Amino acid sequence: MRSIMSVVAARLAKPLRRLLRACKSAWDSSARASAALRAASGQGERAVRDSQKWREYRFENLILHPMLDQAKETLTQDECLLLVKRSRELFGFANVPIQFSNHSRRWARAWISHIVLPPWAMTPLTVMHEVAHTMTQPYKHGPYFVRAFLILVARYYGVSLRRLKALAREHRVKVAGSFPPGRGFSLEMCGAKPAPRVRFPKSRRVRA
């Protein structure tokens, strides 16, 4: 019996070794592809955690929406396109297209190259939220994103940026003090010079 087992083991050893080598090779190839994808998207070796996502959402819903009059007004497609263009110009970025979705998607989405907006998301705050994502990938809802978003809100609604930052920090939402140089932001936005004046579509009212 022992001799039979040893013969079977000897015959299976070589195919098993080949299978293990193939699995290891596939695993290494997958790891290299994932690392290359992360490097191409600017994420480095590890993906950035979205640790303050829900705090940021809560801050928008509990503070910004009640404070900013007409925050939930619906924009036309042309107004959305203009707002995206002017918002990115403010930071020294080229314009990106918007894909207007006719489906009742639950989420609006933003990538470096474009934005997807369902009908419910065609509001000033949501559009500026997604624009901030296009400029601060892959930092998700981190401090760089919050800084970009609050700058847009302050300029669009004519409210104090210092006040918005203070409110965010009161609600445990971290706000970056500056943007990282070399990430595409203009020198003005990295703190070298005052921010440029870019005219937004039209002024909005703010509740005291």
N, C-alpha and C. Protein backbone atom coordinates (compact mmCIF):
# COMPACT_ATOMS: atom_id res chain seq x y z
N MET A 1 0.83 -1.20 0.00
CA MET A 1 0.00 0.00 0.00
C MET A 1 0.87 1.25 0.00
N ARG A 2 1.92 1.20 0.82
CA ARG A 2 2.80 2.35 0.89
C ARG A 2 3.49 2.60 -0.44
N SER A 3 3.85 1.52 -1.13
CA SER A 3 4.52 1.68 -2.42
C SER A 3 3.58 2.28 -3.45
N ILE A 4 2.28 1.89 -3.39
CA ILE A 4 1.30 2.46 -4.32
C ILE A 4 1.16 3.96 -4.08
N MET A 5 1.08 4.32 -2.80
CA MET A 5 0.95 5.74 -2.45
C MET A 5 2.16 6.54 -2.90
N SER A 6 3.33 5.97 -2.75
CA SER A 6 4.54 6.68 -3.15
C SER A 6 4.60 6.85 -4.67
N VAL A 7 4.11 5.84 -5.41
CA VAL A 7 4.08 5.95 -6.86
C VAL A 7 3.10 7.04 -7.29
N VAL A 8 1.93 7.06 -6.66
CA VAL A 8 0.93 8.08 -6.99
C VAL A 8 1.47 9.48 -6.67
N ALA A 9 2.11 9.59 -5.51
CA ALA A 9 2.66 10.89 -5.12
C ALA A 9 3.73 11.35 -6.09
N ALA A 10 4.57 10.40 -6.52
CA ALA A 10 5.65 10.75 -7.46
C ALA A 10 5.08 11.21 -8.80
N ARG A 11 3.98 10.56 -9.24
CA ARG A 11 3.38 10.94 -10.52
C ARG A 11 2.65 12.29 -10.45
N LEU A 12 2.12 12.61 -9.25
CA LEU A 12 1.38 13.87 -9.11
C LEU A 12 2.28 15.05 -8.77
N ALA A 13 3.48 14.76 -8.32
CA ALA A 13 4.35 15.84 -7.86
C ALA A 13 4.66 16.83 -8.96
N LYS A 14 5.03 16.35 -10.14
CA LYS A 14 5.42 17.25 -11.22
C LYS A 14 4.25 18.10 -11.71
N PRO A 15 3.05 17.52 -11.97
CA PRO A 15 1.91 18.38 -12.36
C PRO A 15 1.53 19.40 -11.30
N LEU A 16 1.64 19.00 -10.02
CA LEU A 16 1.31 19.93 -8.95
C LEU A 16 2.29 21.10 -8.91
N ARG A 17 3.57 20.79 -9.13
CA ARG A 17 4.56 21.86 -9.15
C ARG A 17 4.29 22.82 -10.31
N ARG A 18 3.93 22.27 -11.48
CA ARG A 18 3.61 23.12 -12.62
C ARG A 18 2.39 24.00 -12.32
N LEU A 19 1.37 23.39 -11.66
CA LEU A 19 0.17 24.15 -11.32
C LEU A 19 0.48 25.28 -10.35
N LEU A 20 1.32 24.99 -9.35
CA LEU A 20 1.69 26.01 -8.37
C LEU A 20 2.48 27.14 -9.03
N ARG A 21 3.38 26.78 -9.96
CA ARG A 21 4.14 27.81 -10.65
C ARG A 21 3.22 28.69 -11.51
N ALA A 22 2.23 28.05 -12.16
CA ALA A 22 1.29 28.82 -12.99
C ALA A 22 0.46 29.76 -12.13
N CYS A 23 0.01 29.27 -10.97
CA CYS A 23 -0.78 30.12 -10.06
C CYS A 23 0.05 31.29 -9.56
N LYS A 24 1.30 31.01 -9.20
CA LYS A 24 2.17 32.09 -8.71
C LYS A 24 2.42 33.12 -9.82
N SER A 25 2.62 32.64 -11.04
CA SER A 25 2.86 33.56 -12.15
C SER A 25 1.64 34.44 -12.40
N ALA A 26 0.44 33.82 -12.35
CA ALA A 26 -0.80 34.60 -12.55
C ALA A 26 -0.98 35.62 -11.44
N TRP A 27 -0.69 35.22 -10.21
CA TRP A 27 -0.80 36.14 -9.07
C TRP A 27 0.15 37.32 -9.23
N ASP A 28 1.41 37.04 -9.63
CA ASP A 28 2.39 38.11 -9.81
C ASP A 28 1.97 39.05 -10.92
N SER A 29 1.44 38.48 -12.02
CA SER A 29 0.99 39.33 -13.13
C SER A 29 -0.15 40.23 -12.70
N SER A 30 -1.09 39.67 -11.92
CA SER A 30 -2.21 40.47 -11.43
C SER A 30 -1.73 41.58 -10.51
N ALA A 31 -0.78 41.26 -9.63
CA ALA A 31 -0.25 42.26 -8.71
C ALA A 31 0.46 43.38 -9.47
N ARG A 32 1.23 43.01 -10.50
CA ARG A 32 1.92 44.04 -11.30
C ARG A 32 0.92 44.92 -12.04
N ALA A 33 -0.13 44.30 -12.59
CA ALA A 33 -1.14 45.09 -13.30
C ALA A 33 -1.86 46.05 -12.35
N SER A 34 -2.18 45.58 -11.14
CA SER A 34 -2.85 46.44 -10.16
C SER A 34 -1.95 47.59 -9.75
N ALA A 35 -0.65 47.30 -9.54
CA ALA A 35 0.28 48.36 -9.17
C ALA A 35 0.42 49.39 -10.27
N ALA A 36 0.46 48.92 -11.53
CA ALA A 36 0.56 49.85 -12.66
C ALA A 36 -0.68 50.72 -12.76
N LEU A 37 -1.86 50.12 -12.51
CA LEU A 37 -3.11 50.88 -12.57
C LEU A 37 -3.15 51.94 -11.48
N ARG A 38 -2.72 51.57 -10.26
CA ARG A 38 -2.68 52.54 -9.17
C ARG A 38 -1.70 53.66 -9.47
N ALA A 39 -0.55 53.30 -10.04
CA ALA A 39 0.45 54.32 -10.36
C ALA A 39 -0.08 55.27 -11.43
N ALA A 40 -0.79 54.72 -12.42
CA ALA A 40 -1.33 55.56 -13.50
C ALA A 40 -2.39 56.53 -12.97
N SER A 41 -3.13 56.11 -11.95
CA SER A 41 -4.17 56.97 -11.39
C SER A 41 -3.65 57.86 -10.28
N GLY A 42 -2.34 57.74 -9.97
CA GLY A 42 -1.74 58.59 -8.95
C GLY A 42 -1.94 58.09 -7.55
N GLN A 43 -2.33 56.83 -7.35
CA GLN A 43 -2.60 56.32 -6.02
C GLN A 43 -1.38 55.74 -5.34
N GLY A 44 -0.27 55.53 -6.09
CA GLY A 44 0.90 54.96 -5.46
C GLY A 44 0.69 53.49 -5.14
N GLU A 45 1.35 53.03 -4.12
CA GLU A 45 1.32 51.62 -3.79
C GLU A 45 0.03 51.19 -3.11
N ARG A 46 -0.59 52.10 -2.39
CA ARG A 46 -1.80 51.74 -1.66
C ARG A 46 -2.92 52.70 -2.01
N ALA A 47 -4.12 52.17 -2.11
CA ALA A 47 -5.27 53.02 -2.39
C ALA A 47 -5.55 53.93 -1.19
N VAL A 48 -6.03 55.13 -1.48
CA VAL A 48 -6.34 56.08 -0.43
C VAL A 48 -7.67 55.70 0.22
N ARG A 49 -7.68 55.63 1.54
CA ARG A 49 -8.92 55.29 2.25
C ARG A 49 -9.85 56.49 2.26
N ASP A 50 -11.15 56.21 2.14
CA ASP A 50 -12.16 57.26 2.15
C ASP A 50 -12.72 57.37 3.56
N SER A 51 -11.87 57.79 4.50
CA SER A 51 -12.22 57.68 5.91
C SER A 51 -13.22 58.73 6.39
N GLN A 52 -13.33 59.86 5.68
CA GLN A 52 -14.27 60.88 6.17
C GLN A 52 -15.44 61.11 5.22
N LYS A 53 -15.75 60.11 4.41
CA LYS A 53 -16.84 60.24 3.44
C LYS A 53 -18.15 60.60 4.10
N TRP A 54 -18.54 59.84 5.11
CA TRP A 54 -19.86 60.07 5.70
C TRP A 54 -19.90 61.34 6.53
N ARG A 55 -18.76 61.73 7.13
CA ARG A 55 -18.73 63.01 7.84
C ARG A 55 -18.90 64.16 6.86
N GLU A 56 -18.30 64.04 5.68
CA GLU A 56 -18.43 65.09 4.67
C GLU A 56 -19.87 65.17 4.15
N TYR A 57 -20.47 64.00 3.89
CA TYR A 57 -21.87 63.99 3.45
C TYR A 57 -22.79 64.61 4.51
N ARG A 58 -22.54 64.27 5.75
CA ARG A 58 -23.37 64.82 6.84
C ARG A 58 -23.21 66.32 6.92
N PHE A 59 -22.00 66.81 6.74
CA PHE A 59 -21.74 68.26 6.77
C PHE A 59 -22.51 68.95 5.65
N GLU A 60 -22.50 68.37 4.47
CA GLU A 60 -23.26 68.97 3.36
C GLU A 60 -24.75 69.02 3.67
N ASN A 61 -25.29 67.89 4.15
CA ASN A 61 -26.74 67.80 4.35
C ASN A 61 -27.22 68.63 5.54
N LEU A 62 -26.44 68.67 6.62
CA LEU A 62 -26.88 69.36 7.84
C LEU A 62 -26.50 70.83 7.87
N ILE A 63 -25.44 71.22 7.18
CA ILE A 63 -24.95 72.59 7.27
C ILE A 63 -25.11 73.34 5.95
N LEU A 64 -24.53 72.82 4.87
CA LEU A 64 -24.51 73.59 3.63
C LEU A 64 -25.89 73.75 3.01
N HIS A 65 -26.66 72.66 2.94
CA HIS A 65 -27.98 72.76 2.31
C HIS A 65 -28.90 73.72 3.06
N PRO A 66 -28.99 73.66 4.41
CA PRO A 66 -29.85 74.63 5.09
C PRO A 66 -29.32 76.06 5.00
N MET A 67 -28.00 76.23 4.96
CA MET A 67 -27.42 77.57 4.99
C MET A 67 -27.53 78.28 3.64
N LEU A 68 -27.38 77.52 2.54
CA LEU A 68 -27.33 78.13 1.22
C LEU A 68 -28.72 78.10 0.57
N ASP A 69 -29.28 79.27 0.38
CA ASP A 69 -30.59 79.36 -0.26
C ASP A 69 -30.47 78.90 -1.71
N GLN A 70 -31.49 78.21 -2.20
CA GLN A 70 -31.54 77.68 -3.56
C GLN A 70 -30.48 76.60 -3.81
N ALA A 71 -29.95 75.99 -2.75
CA ALA A 71 -28.89 75.00 -2.92
C ALA A 71 -29.38 73.79 -3.69
N LYS A 72 -30.68 73.52 -3.61
CA LYS A 72 -31.22 72.34 -4.29
C LYS A 72 -31.97 72.69 -5.56
N GLU A 73 -31.81 73.92 -6.05
CA GLU A 73 -32.48 74.27 -7.30
C GLU A 73 -31.89 73.44 -8.44
N THR A 74 -32.70 73.11 -9.42
CA THR A 74 -32.27 72.31 -10.56
C THR A 74 -31.72 73.21 -11.65
N LEU A 75 -30.52 72.89 -12.11
CA LEU A 75 -29.89 73.62 -13.20
C LEU A 75 -30.24 72.98 -14.54
N THR A 76 -30.16 73.76 -15.59
CA THR A 76 -30.30 73.19 -16.92
C THR A 76 -28.97 72.53 -17.31
N GLN A 77 -28.98 71.77 -18.39
CA GLN A 77 -27.75 71.14 -18.85
C GLN A 77 -26.71 72.18 -19.23
N ASP A 78 -27.13 73.26 -19.87
CA ASP A 78 -26.19 74.31 -20.24
C ASP A 78 -25.58 74.97 -19.01
N GLU A 79 -26.39 75.18 -17.97
CA GLU A 79 -25.88 75.77 -16.74
C GLU A 79 -24.89 74.84 -16.05
N CYS A 80 -25.16 73.53 -16.08
CA CYS A 80 -24.21 72.56 -15.51
C CYS A 80 -22.88 72.60 -16.25
N LEU A 81 -22.95 72.62 -17.58
CA LEU A 81 -21.73 72.65 -18.40
C LEU A 81 -20.92 73.91 -18.11
N LEU A 82 -21.60 75.04 -17.99
CA LEU A 82 -20.91 76.30 -17.72
C LEU A 82 -20.30 76.30 -16.33
N LEU A 83 -21.02 75.77 -15.36
CA LEU A 83 -20.51 75.72 -13.99
C LEU A 83 -19.27 74.84 -13.90
N VAL A 84 -19.28 73.71 -14.58
CA VAL A 84 -18.10 72.83 -14.58
C VAL A 84 -16.92 73.54 -15.23
N LYS A 85 -17.16 74.18 -16.36
CA LYS A 85 -16.08 74.88 -17.07
C LYS A 85 -15.47 75.98 -16.21
N ARG A 86 -16.31 76.84 -15.62
CA ARG A 86 -15.81 77.94 -14.80
C ARG A 86 -15.13 77.43 -13.53
N SER A 87 -15.67 76.38 -12.95
CA SER A 87 -15.08 75.84 -11.72
C SER A 87 -13.68 75.32 -11.96
N ARG A 88 -13.49 74.58 -13.04
CA ARG A 88 -12.17 74.04 -13.33
C ARG A 88 -11.19 75.13 -13.77
N GLU A 89 -11.70 76.15 -14.47
CA GLU A 89 -10.85 77.28 -14.83
C GLU A 89 -10.28 77.97 -13.60
N LEU A 90 -11.08 78.03 -12.54
CA LEU A 90 -10.65 78.68 -11.31
C LEU A 90 -9.38 78.04 -10.75
N PHE A 91 -9.23 76.74 -10.97
CA PHE A 91 -8.08 76.01 -10.44
C PHE A 91 -6.99 75.77 -11.49
N GLY A 92 -7.18 76.30 -12.68
CA GLY A 92 -6.18 76.12 -13.71
C GLY A 92 -6.29 74.83 -14.49
N PHE A 93 -7.47 74.18 -14.46
CA PHE A 93 -7.67 72.92 -15.17
C PHE A 93 -8.47 73.15 -16.45
N ALA A 94 -8.23 72.30 -17.45
CA ALA A 94 -9.04 72.33 -18.66
C ALA A 94 -10.43 71.75 -18.38
N ASN A 95 -11.36 72.05 -19.23
CA ASN A 95 -12.73 71.59 -19.06
C ASN A 95 -12.84 70.08 -19.27
N VAL A 96 -13.86 69.46 -18.65
CA VAL A 96 -14.16 68.05 -18.87
C VAL A 96 -15.63 67.92 -19.26
N PRO A 97 -16.00 66.91 -20.04
CA PRO A 97 -17.39 66.76 -20.46
C PRO A 97 -18.27 66.18 -19.36
N ILE A 98 -19.57 66.38 -19.51
CA ILE A 98 -20.57 65.79 -18.61
C ILE A 98 -21.41 64.81 -19.41
N GLN A 99 -21.61 63.64 -18.85
CA GLN A 99 -22.56 62.68 -19.43
C GLN A 99 -23.86 62.78 -18.64
N PHE A 100 -24.91 63.28 -19.27
CA PHE A 100 -26.19 63.41 -18.59
C PHE A 100 -26.95 62.10 -18.73
N SER A 101 -27.20 61.46 -17.59
CA SER A 101 -27.84 60.16 -17.60
C SER A 101 -29.35 60.32 -17.48
N ASN A 102 -30.08 59.57 -18.30
CA ASN A 102 -31.54 59.59 -18.23
C ASN A 102 -32.09 58.59 -17.23
N HIS A 103 -31.21 57.76 -16.67
CA HIS A 103 -31.65 56.75 -15.72
C HIS A 103 -31.65 57.31 -14.31
N SER A 104 -32.46 56.75 -13.46
CA SER A 104 -32.55 57.21 -12.07
C SER A 104 -31.44 56.56 -11.25
N ARG A 105 -30.20 56.90 -11.59
CA ARG A 105 -29.05 56.38 -10.85
C ARG A 105 -29.09 56.92 -9.43
N ARG A 106 -28.58 56.12 -8.50
CA ARG A 106 -28.56 56.57 -7.12
C ARG A 106 -27.43 57.56 -6.87
N TRP A 107 -26.31 57.41 -7.60
CA TRP A 107 -25.13 58.23 -7.36
C TRP A 107 -24.74 59.00 -8.61
N ALA A 108 -24.27 60.23 -8.41
CA ALA A 108 -23.51 60.92 -9.45
C ALA A 108 -22.07 60.43 -9.33
N ARG A 109 -21.35 60.42 -10.44
CA ARG A 109 -19.98 59.90 -10.44
C ARG A 109 -19.05 60.88 -11.14
N ALA A 110 -17.79 60.87 -10.72
CA ALA A 110 -16.79 61.75 -11.33
C ALA A 110 -15.48 61.01 -11.48
N TRP A 111 -14.87 61.16 -12.63
CA TRP A 111 -13.53 60.65 -12.90
C TRP A 111 -12.66 61.83 -13.31
N ILE A 112 -11.38 61.57 -13.53
CA ILE A 112 -10.50 62.63 -13.97
C ILE A 112 -10.95 63.17 -15.32
N SER A 113 -11.50 62.30 -16.16
CA SER A 113 -11.79 62.67 -17.54
C SER A 113 -13.22 63.15 -17.79
N HIS A 114 -14.19 62.80 -16.93
CA HIS A 114 -15.57 63.19 -17.19
C HIS A 114 -16.42 63.03 -15.94
N ILE A 115 -17.66 63.54 -16.03
CA ILE A 115 -18.63 63.50 -14.93
C ILE A 115 -19.92 62.88 -15.44
N VAL A 116 -20.56 62.06 -14.61
CA VAL A 116 -21.87 61.49 -14.94
C VAL A 116 -22.90 62.05 -13.97
N LEU A 117 -23.93 62.69 -14.51
CA LEU A 117 -24.96 63.32 -13.68
C LEU A 117 -26.33 62.76 -14.02
N PRO A 118 -27.01 62.11 -13.06
CA PRO A 118 -28.43 61.78 -13.25
C PRO A 118 -29.27 63.04 -13.06
N PRO A 119 -30.54 63.03 -13.42
CA PRO A 119 -31.36 64.25 -13.33
C PRO A 119 -31.40 64.87 -11.93
N TRP A 120 -31.48 64.05 -10.88
CA TRP A 120 -31.60 64.60 -9.53
C TRP A 120 -30.33 65.34 -9.10
N ALA A 121 -29.18 65.05 -9.74
CA ALA A 121 -27.89 65.61 -9.32
C ALA A 121 -27.56 66.93 -9.99
N MET A 122 -28.46 67.47 -10.80
CA MET A 122 -28.18 68.71 -11.53
C MET A 122 -28.48 69.93 -10.66
N THR A 123 -27.83 69.98 -9.50
CA THR A 123 -27.93 71.10 -8.57
C THR A 123 -26.55 71.71 -8.38
N PRO A 124 -26.46 72.98 -7.98
CA PRO A 124 -25.14 73.60 -7.86
C PRO A 124 -24.18 72.86 -6.93
N LEU A 125 -24.66 72.49 -5.73
CA LEU A 125 -23.77 71.83 -4.78
C LEU A 125 -23.28 70.48 -5.30
N THR A 126 -24.18 69.71 -5.90
CA THR A 126 -23.78 68.39 -6.40
C THR A 126 -22.81 68.52 -7.56
N VAL A 127 -23.06 69.46 -8.46
CA VAL A 127 -22.14 69.66 -9.59
C VAL A 127 -20.76 70.06 -9.08
N MET A 128 -20.70 71.00 -8.14
CA MET A 128 -19.41 71.42 -7.60
C MET A 128 -18.73 70.30 -6.82
N HIS A 129 -19.52 69.47 -6.15
CA HIS A 129 -18.98 68.30 -5.45
C HIS A 129 -18.26 67.38 -6.44
N GLU A 130 -18.91 67.11 -7.56
CA GLU A 130 -18.30 66.22 -8.56
C GLU A 130 -17.10 66.88 -9.25
N VAL A 131 -17.18 68.18 -9.48
CA VAL A 131 -16.03 68.88 -10.07
C VAL A 131 -14.82 68.77 -9.15
N ALA A 132 -15.04 68.93 -7.86
CA ALA A 132 -13.93 68.82 -6.90
C ALA A 132 -13.31 67.42 -6.97
N HIS A 133 -14.14 66.40 -7.19
CA HIS A 133 -13.60 65.05 -7.33
C HIS A 133 -12.70 64.93 -8.57
N THR A 134 -13.10 65.55 -9.68
CA THR A 134 -12.30 65.43 -10.91
C THR A 134 -10.90 66.01 -10.72
N MET A 135 -10.76 66.98 -9.82
CA MET A 135 -9.48 67.66 -9.65
C MET A 135 -8.64 67.08 -8.52
N THR A 136 -9.25 66.29 -7.66
CA THR A 136 -8.52 65.80 -6.48
C THR A 136 -8.45 64.28 -6.42
N GLN A 137 -8.61 63.61 -7.57
CA GLN A 137 -8.40 62.16 -7.59
C GLN A 137 -6.94 61.89 -7.27
N PRO A 138 -6.60 60.84 -6.52
CA PRO A 138 -7.48 59.82 -5.96
C PRO A 138 -7.78 60.04 -4.48
N TYR A 139 -7.87 61.31 -4.05
CA TYR A 139 -8.00 61.59 -2.62
C TYR A 139 -9.42 61.47 -2.08
N LYS A 140 -10.36 61.09 -2.96
CA LYS A 140 -11.74 60.81 -2.56
C LYS A 140 -12.32 61.98 -1.77
N HIS A 141 -12.86 61.75 -0.56
CA HIS A 141 -13.46 62.83 0.21
C HIS A 141 -12.50 63.35 1.28
N GLY A 142 -11.21 63.26 1.00
CA GLY A 142 -10.19 63.67 1.96
C GLY A 142 -10.03 65.18 2.03
N PRO A 143 -9.03 65.65 2.79
CA PRO A 143 -8.84 67.10 3.01
C PRO A 143 -8.63 67.91 1.73
N TYR A 144 -7.93 67.36 0.72
CA TYR A 144 -7.73 68.10 -0.53
C TYR A 144 -9.06 68.31 -1.25
N PHE A 145 -9.88 67.25 -1.27
CA PHE A 145 -11.21 67.37 -1.90
C PHE A 145 -12.04 68.43 -1.19
N VAL A 146 -12.07 68.39 0.14
CA VAL A 146 -12.90 69.33 0.90
C VAL A 146 -12.43 70.76 0.65
N ARG A 147 -11.12 70.97 0.58
CA ARG A 147 -10.62 72.32 0.31
C ARG A 147 -11.11 72.82 -1.05
N ALA A 148 -10.97 71.98 -2.09
CA ALA A 148 -11.41 72.39 -3.43
C ALA A 148 -12.91 72.66 -3.44
N PHE A 149 -13.68 71.78 -2.81
CA PHE A 149 -15.14 71.93 -2.79
C PHE A 149 -15.56 73.21 -2.08
N LEU A 150 -14.96 73.51 -0.93
CA LEU A 150 -15.35 74.70 -0.18
C LEU A 150 -14.94 75.97 -0.91
N ILE A 151 -13.82 75.96 -1.62
CA ILE A 151 -13.45 77.12 -2.42
C ILE A 151 -14.51 77.40 -3.48
N LEU A 152 -14.98 76.33 -4.14
CA LEU A 152 -16.01 76.50 -5.16
C LEU A 152 -17.30 77.03 -4.55
N VAL A 153 -17.70 76.46 -3.41
CA VAL A 153 -18.94 76.90 -2.75
C VAL A 153 -18.83 78.37 -2.34
N ALA A 154 -17.67 78.73 -1.78
CA ALA A 154 -17.47 80.11 -1.33
C ALA A 154 -17.56 81.09 -2.50
N ARG A 155 -16.94 80.74 -3.63
CA ARG A 155 -16.94 81.65 -4.77
C ARG A 155 -18.31 81.70 -5.44
N TYR A 156 -19.00 80.59 -5.50
CA TYR A 156 -20.30 80.54 -6.18
C TYR A 156 -21.37 81.27 -5.39
N TYR A 157 -21.38 81.07 -4.06
CA TYR A 157 -22.43 81.66 -3.23
C TYR A 157 -22.01 82.97 -2.57
N GLY A 158 -20.73 83.35 -2.71
CA GLY A 158 -20.28 84.60 -2.11
C GLY A 158 -20.21 84.56 -0.61
N VAL A 159 -19.93 83.38 -0.04
CA VAL A 159 -19.83 83.24 1.41
C VAL A 159 -18.36 83.15 1.80
N SER A 160 -18.04 83.44 3.05
CA SER A 160 -16.66 83.45 3.52
C SER A 160 -16.08 82.04 3.52
N LEU A 161 -14.93 81.88 2.87
CA LEU A 161 -14.25 80.58 2.87
C LEU A 161 -13.79 80.23 4.28
N ARG A 162 -13.34 81.22 5.02
CA ARG A 162 -12.90 80.97 6.41
C ARG A 162 -14.05 80.44 7.24
N ARG A 163 -15.24 81.00 7.03
CA ARG A 163 -16.42 80.53 7.77
C ARG A 163 -16.75 79.08 7.41
N LEU A 164 -16.69 78.75 6.13
CA LEU A 164 -16.98 77.38 5.70
C LEU A 164 -15.96 76.39 6.29
N LYS A 165 -14.69 76.77 6.28
CA LYS A 165 -13.67 75.89 6.85
C LYS A 165 -13.91 75.67 8.34
N ALA A 166 -14.26 76.74 9.05
CA ALA A 166 -14.52 76.61 10.49
C ALA A 166 -15.70 75.69 10.75
N LEU A 167 -16.76 75.82 9.96
CA LEU A 167 -17.93 74.96 10.12
C LEU A 167 -17.57 73.50 9.83
N ALA A 168 -16.77 73.29 8.79
CA ALA A 168 -16.37 71.92 8.46
C ALA A 168 -15.57 71.29 9.61
N ARG A 169 -14.64 72.05 10.15
CA ARG A 169 -13.81 71.49 11.23
C ARG A 169 -14.62 71.27 12.51
N GLU A 170 -15.63 72.10 12.72
CA GLU A 170 -16.52 71.87 13.87
C GLU A 170 -17.22 70.52 13.75
N HIS A 171 -17.46 70.07 12.53
CA HIS A 171 -18.13 68.79 12.29
C HIS A 171 -17.13 67.68 11.95
N ARG A 172 -15.89 67.89 12.38
CA ARG A 172 -14.83 66.87 12.28
C ARG A 172 -14.52 66.49 10.83
N VAL A 173 -14.69 67.45 9.94
CA VAL A 173 -14.32 67.26 8.54
C VAL A 173 -12.97 67.95 8.32
N LYS A 174 -11.97 67.21 7.94
CA LYS A 174 -10.63 67.77 7.76
C LYS A 174 -10.55 68.55 6.46
N VAL A 175 -9.88 69.71 6.53
CA VAL A 175 -9.70 70.57 5.36
C VAL A 175 -8.21 70.82 5.19
N ALA A 176 -7.68 70.59 4.00
CA ALA A 176 -6.26 70.80 3.73
C ALA A 176 -5.94 72.29 3.74
N GLY A 177 -4.74 72.63 4.20
CA GLY A 177 -4.31 74.02 4.21
C GLY A 177 -3.86 74.51 2.84
N SER A 178 -3.44 73.59 1.97
CA SER A 178 -3.00 73.95 0.63
C SER A 178 -3.10 72.71 -0.26
N PHE A 179 -2.92 72.90 -1.55
CA PHE A 179 -2.93 71.78 -2.48
C PHE A 179 -1.52 71.30 -2.74
N PRO A 180 -1.37 70.01 -3.09
CA PRO A 180 -0.02 69.49 -3.36
C PRO A 180 0.50 70.01 -4.69
N PRO A 181 1.69 70.65 -4.73
CA PRO A 181 2.26 71.08 -6.01
C PRO A 181 2.51 69.89 -6.93
N GLY A 182 2.42 70.14 -8.21
CA GLY A 182 2.71 69.08 -9.18
C GLY A 182 1.55 68.15 -9.44
N ARG A 183 0.36 68.44 -8.91
CA ARG A 183 -0.80 67.59 -9.14
C ARG A 183 -1.74 68.18 -10.18
N GLY A 184 -1.29 69.22 -10.89
CA GLY A 184 -2.12 69.83 -11.91
C GLY A 184 -2.73 71.15 -11.48
N PHE A 185 -2.69 71.45 -10.16
CA PHE A 185 -3.26 72.71 -9.70
C PHE A 185 -2.38 73.87 -10.14
N SER A 186 -3.01 74.99 -10.45
CA SER A 186 -2.23 76.17 -10.81
C SER A 186 -1.43 76.63 -9.61
N LEU A 187 -0.35 77.39 -9.86
CA LEU A 187 0.48 77.90 -8.77
C LEU A 187 -0.33 78.79 -7.84
N GLU A 188 -1.33 79.49 -8.40
CA GLU A 188 -2.16 80.35 -7.56
C GLU A 188 -2.87 79.52 -6.50
N MET A 189 -3.35 78.33 -6.90
CA MET A 189 -4.09 77.51 -5.96
C MET A 189 -3.17 76.75 -5.00
N CYS A 190 -1.89 76.66 -5.32
CA CYS A 190 -0.94 76.01 -4.40
C CYS A 190 -0.37 77.00 -3.40
N GLY A 191 -0.82 78.24 -3.45
CA GLY A 191 -0.41 79.20 -2.44
C GLY A 191 0.66 80.17 -2.88
N ALA A 192 1.10 80.09 -4.16
CA ALA A 192 2.17 80.98 -4.60
C ALA A 192 1.65 82.41 -4.82
N LYS A 193 0.43 82.54 -5.31
CA LYS A 193 -0.14 83.86 -5.60
C LYS A 193 -1.60 83.87 -5.18
N PRO A 194 -2.23 85.04 -5.12
CA PRO A 194 -3.68 85.07 -4.83
C PRO A 194 -4.46 84.32 -5.89
N ALA A 195 -5.60 83.77 -5.50
CA ALA A 195 -6.43 83.02 -6.43
C ALA A 195 -6.93 83.93 -7.55
N PRO A 196 -6.97 83.44 -8.79
CA PRO A 196 -7.45 84.28 -9.90
C PRO A 196 -8.95 84.52 -9.79
N ARG A 197 -9.41 85.60 -10.41
CA ARG A 197 -10.82 85.93 -10.42
C ARG A 197 -11.49 85.26 -11.62
N VAL A 198 -12.38 84.36 -11.37
CA VAL A 198 -13.15 83.71 -12.43
C VAL A 198 -14.63 83.95 -12.14
N ARG A 199 -15.33 84.49 -13.09
CA ARG A 199 -16.74 84.82 -12.89
C ARG A 199 -17.60 83.57 -13.03
N PHE A 200 -18.41 83.31 -12.01
CA PHE A 200 -19.34 82.20 -12.06
C PHE A 200 -20.61 82.64 -12.78
N PRO A 201 -21.47 81.67 -13.17
CA PRO A 201 -22.65 82.02 -13.98
C PRO A 201 -23.50 83.14 -13.40
N LYS A 202 -23.86 83.08 -12.12
CA LYS A 202 -24.65 84.12 -11.51
C LYS A 202 -24.57 83.97 -10.00
N SER A 203 -24.80 85.05 -9.29
CA SER A 203 -24.68 85.03 -7.84
C SER A 203 -25.88 84.35 -7.20
N ARG A 204 -25.69 83.84 -5.98
CA ARG A 204 -26.76 83.15 -5.25
C ARG A 204 -26.97 83.82 -3.90
N ARG A 205 -28.09 83.55 -3.30
CA ARG A 205 -28.38 84.10 -1.99
C ARG A 205 -27.95 83.12 -0.91
N VAL A 206 -27.53 83.69 0.21
CA VAL A 206 -27.07 82.88 1.34
C VAL A 206 -27.85 83.28 2.56
N ARG A 207 -28.30 82.31 3.29
CA ARG A 207 -29.02 82.60 4.55
C ARG A 207 -28.02 82.94 5.64
N ALA A 208 -28.39 83.86 6.50
CA ALA A 208 -27.51 84.24 7.60
C ALA A 208 -27.43 83.13 8.63
